[in-house]
């Protein structure tokens, strides 16, 4: 079975704008603490910047699960 989970992490930049970082195919056993640690590392190490500058604060995070159903046309 394919993993269709996407982690969406939302940050506030230095200029106060919101930016999102998406990670596809996240682990099934991903815990809140894992997400908090990842977001803290992204901020503290300056790993990602946005048009609004360096990411400064955690805003929110969510896991989205997408799915699809094939349609048999024959």
PDB file of N, CA and C in Angstrom:
ATOM      1  N   UNK A   1       0.841  -1.187   0.000  1.00  0.00           N
ATOM      2  CA  UNK A   1       0.000   0.000   0.000  1.00  0.00           C
ATOM      3  C   UNK A   1       0.882   1.245   0.000  1.00  0.00           C
ATOM      4  N   UNK A   2       0.577   2.176  -0.862  1.00  0.00           N
ATOM      5  CA  UNK A   2       1.365   3.389  -1.007  1.00  0.00           C
ATOM      6  C   UNK A   2       1.081   4.362   0.130  1.00  0.00           C
ATOM      7  N   UNK A   3       2.137   5.011   0.616  1.00  0.00           N
ATOM      8  CA  UNK A   3       2.000   6.016   1.659  1.00  0.00           C
ATOM      9  C   UNK A   3       1.644   7.344   0.997  1.00  0.00           C
ATOM     10  N   UNK A   4       0.455   7.835   1.271  1.00  0.00           N
ATOM     11  CA  UNK A   4      -0.024   9.068   0.660  1.00  0.00           C
ATOM     12  C   UNK A   4      -0.083  10.222   1.647  1.00  0.00           C
ATOM     13  N   UNK A   5       0.663  10.126   2.746  1.00  0.00           N
ATOM     14  CA  UNK A   5       0.621  11.172   3.758  1.00  0.00           C
ATOM     15  C   UNK A   5       1.639  12.265   3.449  1.00  0.00           C
ATOM     16  N   UNK A   6       1.186  13.508   3.628  1.00  0.00           N
ATOM     17  CA  UNK A   6       2.024  14.677   3.396  1.00  0.00           C
ATOM     18  C   UNK A   6       2.037  15.505   4.681  1.00  0.00           C
ATOM     19  N   UNK A   7       3.232  15.815   5.163  1.00  0.00           N
ATOM     20  CA  UNK A   7       3.382  16.697   6.313  1.00  0.00           C
ATOM     21  C   UNK A   7       3.504  18.119   5.786  1.00  0.00           C
ATOM     22  N   UNK A   8       2.628  19.001   6.264  1.00  0.00           N
ATOM     23  CA  UNK A   8       2.679  20.410   5.891  1.00  0.00           C
ATOM     24  C   UNK A   8       3.039  21.199   7.139  1.00  0.00           C
ATOM     25  N   UNK A   9       4.181  21.874   7.088  1.00  0.00           N
ATOM     26  CA  UNK A   9       4.653  22.682   8.208  1.00  0.00           C
ATOM     27  C   UNK A   9       4.576  24.150   7.810  1.00  0.00           C
ATOM     28  N   UNK A  10       3.923  24.936   8.631  1.00  0.00           N
ATOM     29  CA  UNK A  10       3.738  26.353   8.346  1.00  0.00           C
ATOM     30  C   UNK A  10       4.583  27.185   9.306  1.00  0.00           C
ATOM     31  N   UNK A  11       5.285  28.151   8.735  1.00  0.00           N
ATOM     32  CA  UNK A  11       6.205  29.003   9.480  1.00  0.00           C
ATOM     33  C   UNK A  11       5.860  30.475   9.260  1.00  0.00           C
ATOM     34  N   UNK A  12       6.384  31.310  10.159  1.00  0.00           N
ATOM     35  CA  UNK A  12       6.325  32.759   9.991  1.00  0.00           C
ATOM     36  C   UNK A  12       7.753  33.217   9.700  1.00  0.00           C
ATOM     37  N   UNK A  13       7.913  34.012   8.645  1.00  0.00           N
ATOM     38  CA  UNK A  13       9.238  34.475   8.236  1.00  0.00           C
ATOM     39  C   UNK A  13       9.652  35.730   9.004  1.00  0.00           C
ATOM     40  N   UNK A  14      10.880  36.141   8.766  1.00  0.00           N
ATOM     41  CA  UNK A  14      11.434  37.340   9.409  1.00  0.00           C
ATOM     42  C   UNK A  14      10.579  38.573   9.121  1.00  0.00           C
ATOM     43  N   UNK A  15      10.003  38.645   7.923  1.00  0.00           N
ATOM     44  CA  UNK A  15       9.166  39.791   7.550  1.00  0.00           C
ATOM     45  C   UNK A  15       7.703  39.615   7.962  1.00  0.00           C
ATOM     46  N   UNK A  16       7.379  38.501   8.629  1.00  0.00           N
ATOM     47  CA  UNK A  16       6.022  38.286   9.108  1.00  0.00           C
ATOM     48  C   UNK A  16       5.098  37.578   8.141  1.00  0.00           C
ATOM     49  N   UNK A  17       5.626  37.109   7.028  1.00  0.00           N
ATOM     50  CA  UNK A  17       4.792  36.386   6.068  1.00  0.00           C
ATOM     51  C   UNK A  17       4.791  34.896   6.409  1.00  0.00           C
ATOM     52  N   UNK A  18       3.752  34.223   5.975  1.00  0.00           N
ATOM     53  CA  UNK A  18       3.644  32.781   6.214  1.00  0.00           C
ATOM     54  C   UNK A  18       4.245  32.013   5.045  1.00  0.00           C
ATOM     55  N   UNK A  19       4.925  30.915   5.389  1.00  0.00           N
ATOM     56  CA  UNK A  19       5.508  30.027   4.388  1.00  0.00           C
ATOM     57  C   UNK A  19       5.233  28.589   4.793  1.00  0.00           C
ATOM     58  N   UNK A  20       5.039  27.746   3.797  1.00  0.00           N
ATOM     59  CA  UNK A  20       4.779  26.326   4.043  1.00  0.00           C
ATOM     60  C   UNK A  20       5.898  25.469   3.474  1.00  0.00           C
ATOM     61  N   UNK A  21       6.205  24.404   4.196  1.00  0.00           N
ATOM     62  CA  UNK A  21       7.153  23.405   3.731  1.00  0.00           C
ATOM     63  C   UNK A  21       6.415  22.075   3.745  1.00  0.00           C
ATOM     64  N   UNK A  22       6.436  21.356   2.626  1.00  0.00           N
ATOM     65  CA  UNK A  22       5.728  20.079   2.515  1.00  0.00           C
ATOM     66  C   UNK A  22       6.726  18.944   2.364  1.00  0.00           C
ATOM     67  N   UNK A  23       6.447  17.852   3.079  1.00  0.00           N
ATOM     68  CA  UNK A  23       7.259  16.640   2.982  1.00  0.00           C
ATOM     69  C   UNK A  23       6.313  15.490   2.642  1.00  0.00           C
ATOM     70  N   UNK A  24       6.548  14.849   1.507  1.00  0.00           N
ATOM     71  CA  UNK A  24       5.685  13.747   1.079  1.00  0.00           C
ATOM     72  C   UNK A  24       6.162  12.418   1.643  1.00  0.00           C
ATOM     73  N   UNK A  25       5.247  11.485   1.702  1.00  0.00           N
ATOM     74  CA  UNK A  25       5.520  10.107   2.118  1.00  0.00           C
ATOM     75  C   UNK A  25       6.111  10.025   3.526  1.00  0.00           C
ATOM     76  N   UNK A  26       5.487  10.710   4.471  1.00  0.00           N
ATOM     77  CA  UNK A  26       5.992  10.693   5.851  1.00  0.00           C
ATOM     78  C   UNK A  26       5.738   9.339   6.504  1.00  0.00           C
ATOM     79  N   UNK A  27       6.548   9.023   7.495  1.00  0.00           N
ATOM     80  CA  UNK A  27       6.421   7.750   8.211  1.00  0.00           C
ATOM     81  C   UNK A  27       5.043   7.630   8.856  1.00  0.00           C
ATOM     82  N   UNK A  28       4.584   6.416   8.943  1.00  0.00           N
ATOM     83  CA  UNK A  28       3.301   6.131   9.581  1.00  0.00           C
ATOM     84  C   UNK A  28       3.327   6.434  11.076  1.00  0.00           C
ATOM     85  N   UNK A  29       4.493   6.256  11.698  1.00  0.00           N
ATOM     86  CA  UNK A  29       4.602   6.437  13.146  1.00  0.00           C
ATOM     87  C   UNK A  29       5.112   7.824  13.548  1.00  0.00           C
ATOM     88  N   UNK A  30       4.987   8.810  12.664  1.00  0.00           N
ATOM     89  CA  UNK A  30       5.447  10.163  12.948  1.00  0.00           C
ATOM     90  C   UNK A  30       4.703  10.729  14.156  1.00  0.00           C
ATOM     91  N   UNK A  31       5.463  11.246  15.116  1.00  0.00           N
ATOM     92  CA  UNK A  31       4.882  11.766  16.353  1.00  0.00           C
ATOM     93  C   UNK A  31       4.996  13.289  16.387  1.00  0.00           C
ATOM     94  N   UNK A  32       4.196  13.888  17.239  1.00  0.00           N
ATOM     95  CA  UNK A  32       4.214  15.340  17.432  1.00  0.00           C
ATOM     96  C   UNK A  32       5.631  15.817  17.739  1.00  0.00           C
ATOM     97  N   UNK A  33       6.321  15.115  18.612  1.00  0.00           N
ATOM     98  CA  UNK A  33       7.673  15.501  19.020  1.00  0.00           C
ATOM     99  C   UNK A  33       8.634  15.520  17.829  1.00  0.00           C
ATOM    100  N   UNK A  34       8.453  14.594  16.890  1.00  0.00           N
ATOM    101  CA  UNK A  34       9.285  14.550  15.692  1.00  0.00           C
ATOM    102  C   UNK A  34       9.095  15.814  14.855  1.00  0.00           C
ATOM    103  N   UNK A  35       7.844  16.217  14.710  1.00  0.00           N
ATOM    104  CA  UNK A  35       7.524  17.400  13.906  1.00  0.00           C
ATOM    105  C   UNK A  35       8.072  18.653  14.573  1.00  0.00           C
ATOM    106  N   UNK A  36       7.884  18.772  15.881  1.00  0.00           N
ATOM    107  CA  UNK A  36       8.387  19.934  16.621  1.00  0.00           C
ATOM    108  C   UNK A  36       9.906  20.022  16.473  1.00  0.00           C
ATOM    109  N   UNK A  37      10.598  18.891  16.637  1.00  0.00           N
ATOM    110  CA  UNK A  37      12.056  18.871  16.513  1.00  0.00           C
ATOM    111  C   UNK A  37      12.499  19.260  15.105  1.00  0.00           C
ATOM    112  N   UNK A  38      11.830  18.727  14.091  1.00  0.00           N
ATOM    113  CA  UNK A  38      12.160  19.063  12.709  1.00  0.00           C
ATOM    114  C   UNK A  38      11.975  20.551  12.448  1.00  0.00           C
ATOM    115  N   UNK A  39      10.845  21.095  12.880  1.00  0.00           N
ATOM    116  CA  UNK A  39      10.577  22.515  12.657  1.00  0.00           C
ATOM    117  C   UNK A  39      11.588  23.382  13.406  1.00  0.00           C
ATOM    118  N   UNK A  40      11.927  23.005  14.635  1.00  0.00           N
ATOM    119  CA  UNK A  40      12.934  23.747  15.407  1.00  0.00           C
ATOM    120  C   UNK A  40      14.291  23.724  14.701  1.00  0.00           C
ATOM    121  N   UNK A  41      14.665  22.569  14.138  1.00  0.00           N
ATOM    122  CA  UNK A  41      15.938  22.459  13.415  1.00  0.00           C
ATOM    123  C   UNK A  41      15.944  23.317  12.151  1.00  0.00           C
ATOM    124  N   UNK A  42      14.837  23.321  11.433  1.00  0.00           N
ATOM    125  CA  UNK A  42      14.735  24.144  10.222  1.00  0.00           C
ATOM    126  C   UNK A  42      14.952  25.610  10.582  1.00  0.00           C
ATOM    127  N   UNK A  43      14.336  26.047  11.683  1.00  0.00           N
ATOM    128  CA  UNK A  43      14.464  27.447  12.109  1.00  0.00           C
ATOM    129  C   UNK A  43      15.877  27.735  12.623  1.00  0.00           C
ATOM    130  N   UNK A  44      16.358  26.935  13.562  1.00  0.00           N
ATOM    131  CA  UNK A  44      17.636  27.245  14.222  1.00  0.00           C
ATOM    132  C   UNK A  44      18.837  27.145  13.290  1.00  0.00           C
ATOM    133  N   UNK A  45      18.781  26.258  12.314  1.00  0.00           N
ATOM    134  CA  UNK A  45      19.911  26.071  11.395  1.00  0.00           C
ATOM    135  C   UNK A  45      19.764  26.885  10.112  1.00  0.00           C
ATOM    136  N   UNK A  46      18.633  27.592   9.961  1.00  0.00           N
ATOM    137  CA  UNK A  46      18.425  28.407   8.766  1.00  0.00           C
ATOM    138  C   UNK A  46      18.426  27.591   7.491  1.00  0.00           C
ATOM    139  N   UNK A  47      17.872  26.382   7.570  1.00  0.00           N
ATOM    140  CA  UNK A  47      17.922  25.458   6.432  1.00  0.00           C
ATOM    141  C   UNK A  47      17.089  25.913   5.245  1.00  0.00           C
ATOM    142  N   UNK A  48      16.037  26.672   5.497  1.00  0.00           N
ATOM    143  CA  UNK A  48      15.127  27.090   4.422  1.00  0.00           C
ATOM    144  C   UNK A  48      14.820  28.573   4.593  1.00  0.00           C
ATOM    145  N   UNK A  49      14.847  29.302   3.496  1.00  0.00           N
ATOM    146  CA  UNK A  49      14.429  30.699   3.524  1.00  0.00           C
ATOM    147  C   UNK A  49      13.274  30.873   2.554  1.00  0.00           C
ATOM    148  N   UNK A  50      12.571  31.969   2.713  1.00  0.00           N
ATOM    149  CA  UNK A  50      11.428  32.257   1.848  1.00  0.00           C
ATOM    150  C   UNK A  50      11.588  33.657   1.274  1.00  0.00           C
ATOM    151  N   UNK A  51      10.625  34.078   0.495  1.00  0.00           N
ATOM    152  CA  UNK A  51      10.647  35.441  -0.037  1.00  0.00           C
ATOM    153  C   UNK A  51      10.619  36.461   1.095  1.00  0.00           C
ATOM    154  N   UNK A  52      10.050  36.069   2.225  1.00  0.00           N
ATOM    155  CA  UNK A  52       9.973  36.944   3.390  1.00  0.00           C
ATOM    156  C   UNK A  52      11.199  36.839   4.282  1.00  0.00           C
ATOM    157  N   UNK A  53      12.230  36.145   3.818  1.00  0.00           N
ATOM    158  CA  UNK A  53      13.451  36.009   4.599  1.00  0.00           C
ATOM    159  C   UNK A  53      13.500  34.694   5.354  1.00  0.00           C
ATOM    160  N   UNK A  54      14.379  34.641   6.337  1.00  0.00           N
ATOM    161  CA  UNK A  54      14.569  33.424   7.117  1.00  0.00           C
ATOM    162  C   UNK A  54      13.302  33.069   7.889  1.00  0.00           C
ATOM    163  N   UNK A  55      13.045  31.770   8.023  1.00  0.00           N
ATOM    164  CA  UNK A  55      11.904  31.311   8.803  1.00  0.00           C
ATOM    165  C   UNK A  55      12.244  31.489  10.280  1.00  0.00           C
ATOM    166  N   UNK A  56      11.326  32.125  11.030  1.00  0.00           N
ATOM    167  CA  UNK A  56      11.640  32.510  12.407  1.00  0.00           C
ATOM    168  C   UNK A  56      10.807  31.784  13.459  1.00  0.00           C
ATOM    169  N   UNK A  57       9.547  31.492  13.147  1.00  0.00           N
ATOM    170  CA  UNK A  57       8.633  30.934  14.147  1.00  0.00           C
ATOM    171  C   UNK A  57       7.798  29.805  13.552  1.00  0.00           C
ATOM    172  N   UNK A  58       7.452  28.826  14.391  1.00  0.00           N
ATOM    173  CA  UNK A  58       6.507  27.775  13.989  1.00  0.00           C
ATOM    174  C   UNK A  58       5.108  28.381  14.057  1.00  0.00           C
ATOM    175  N   UNK A  59       4.303  28.100  13.059  1.00  0.00           N
ATOM    176  CA  UNK A  59       2.912  28.562  13.052  1.00  0.00           C
ATOM    177  C   UNK A  59       1.968  27.389  13.297  1.00  0.00           C
ATOM    178  N   UNK A  60       2.068  26.356  12.463  1.00  0.00           N
ATOM    179  CA  UNK A  60       1.192  25.182  12.606  1.00  0.00           C
ATOM    180  C   UNK A  60       1.758  24.050  11.760  1.00  0.00           C
ATOM    181  N   UNK A  61       1.171  22.870  11.953  1.00  0.00           N
ATOM    182  CA  UNK A  61       1.557  21.714  11.141  1.00  0.00           C
ATOM    183  C   UNK A  61       0.367  20.779  11.048  1.00  0.00           C
ATOM    184  N   UNK A  62       0.301  20.041   9.952  1.00  0.00           N
ATOM    185  CA  UNK A  62      -0.762  19.058   9.774  1.00  0.00           C
ATOM    186  C   UNK A  62      -0.290  17.962   8.833  1.00  0.00           C
ATOM    187  N   UNK A  63      -0.914  16.805   8.976  1.00  0.00           N
ATOM    188  CA  UNK A  63      -0.663  15.706   8.051  1.00  0.00           C
ATOM    189  C   UNK A  63      -1.905  15.557   7.194  1.00  0.00           C
ATOM    190  N   UNK A  64      -1.694  15.597   5.902  1.00  0.00           N
ATOM    191  CA  UNK A  64      -2.782  15.459   4.932  1.00  0.00           C
ATOM    192  C   UNK A  64      -2.630  14.101   4.271  1.00  0.00           C
ATOM    193  N   UNK A  65      -3.719  13.389   4.162  1.00  0.00           N
ATOM    194  CA  UNK A  65      -3.697  12.095   3.490  1.00  0.00           C
ATOM    195  C   UNK A  65      -4.511  12.212   2.213  1.00  0.00           C
ATOM    196  N   UNK A  66      -3.842  11.954   1.098  1.00  0.00           N
ATOM    197  CA  UNK A  66      -4.549  12.048  -0.183  1.00  0.00           C
ATOM    198  C   UNK A  66      -4.806  10.644  -0.712  1.00  0.00           C
ATOM    199  N   UNK A  67      -5.825  10.550  -1.498  1.00  0.00           N
ATOM    200  CA  UNK A  67      -6.168   9.256  -2.058  1.00  0.00           C
ATOM    201  C   UNK A  67      -6.744   9.421  -3.458  1.00  0.00           C
ATOM    202  N   UNK A  68      -6.824   8.322  -4.128  1.00  0.00           N
ATOM    203  CA  UNK A  68      -7.421   8.333  -5.458  1.00  0.00           C
ATOM    204  C   UNK A  68      -8.064   6.991  -5.741  1.00  0.00           C
ATOM    205  N   UNK A  69      -8.987   6.990  -6.663  1.00  0.00           N
ATOM    206  CA  UNK A  69      -9.655   5.768  -7.094  1.00  0.00           C
ATOM    207  C   UNK A  69      -9.607   5.696  -8.606  1.00  0.00           C
ATOM    208  N   UNK A  70      -9.118   4.593  -9.129  1.00  0.00           N
ATOM    209  CA  UNK A  70      -9.060   4.434 -10.584  1.00  0.00           C
ATOM    210  C   UNK A  70     -10.461   4.147 -11.109  1.00  0.00           C
ATOM    211  N   UNK A  71     -10.696   4.622 -12.314  1.00  0.00           N
ATOM    212  CA  UNK A  71     -11.972   4.386 -12.991  1.00  0.00           C
ATOM    213  C   UNK A  71     -11.694   3.485 -14.186  1.00  0.00           C
ATOM    214  N   UNK A  72     -12.335   2.340 -14.202  1.00  0.00           N
ATOM    215  CA  UNK A  72     -12.172   1.408 -15.306  1.00  0.00           C
ATOM    216  C   UNK A  72     -13.034   1.861 -16.474  1.00  0.00           C
ATOM    217  N   UNK A  73     -12.396   2.200 -17.572  1.00  0.00           N
ATOM    218  CA  UNK A  73     -13.103   2.712 -18.739  1.00  0.00           C
ATOM    219  C   UNK A  73     -13.391   1.635 -19.774  1.00  0.00           C
ATOM    220  N   UNK A  74     -13.054   0.388 -19.504  1.00  0.00           N
ATOM    221  CA  UNK A  74     -13.277  -0.684 -20.480  1.00  0.00           C
ATOM    222  C   UNK A  74     -14.525  -1.456 -20.163  1.00  0.00           C
TER     223      UNK A  74
END
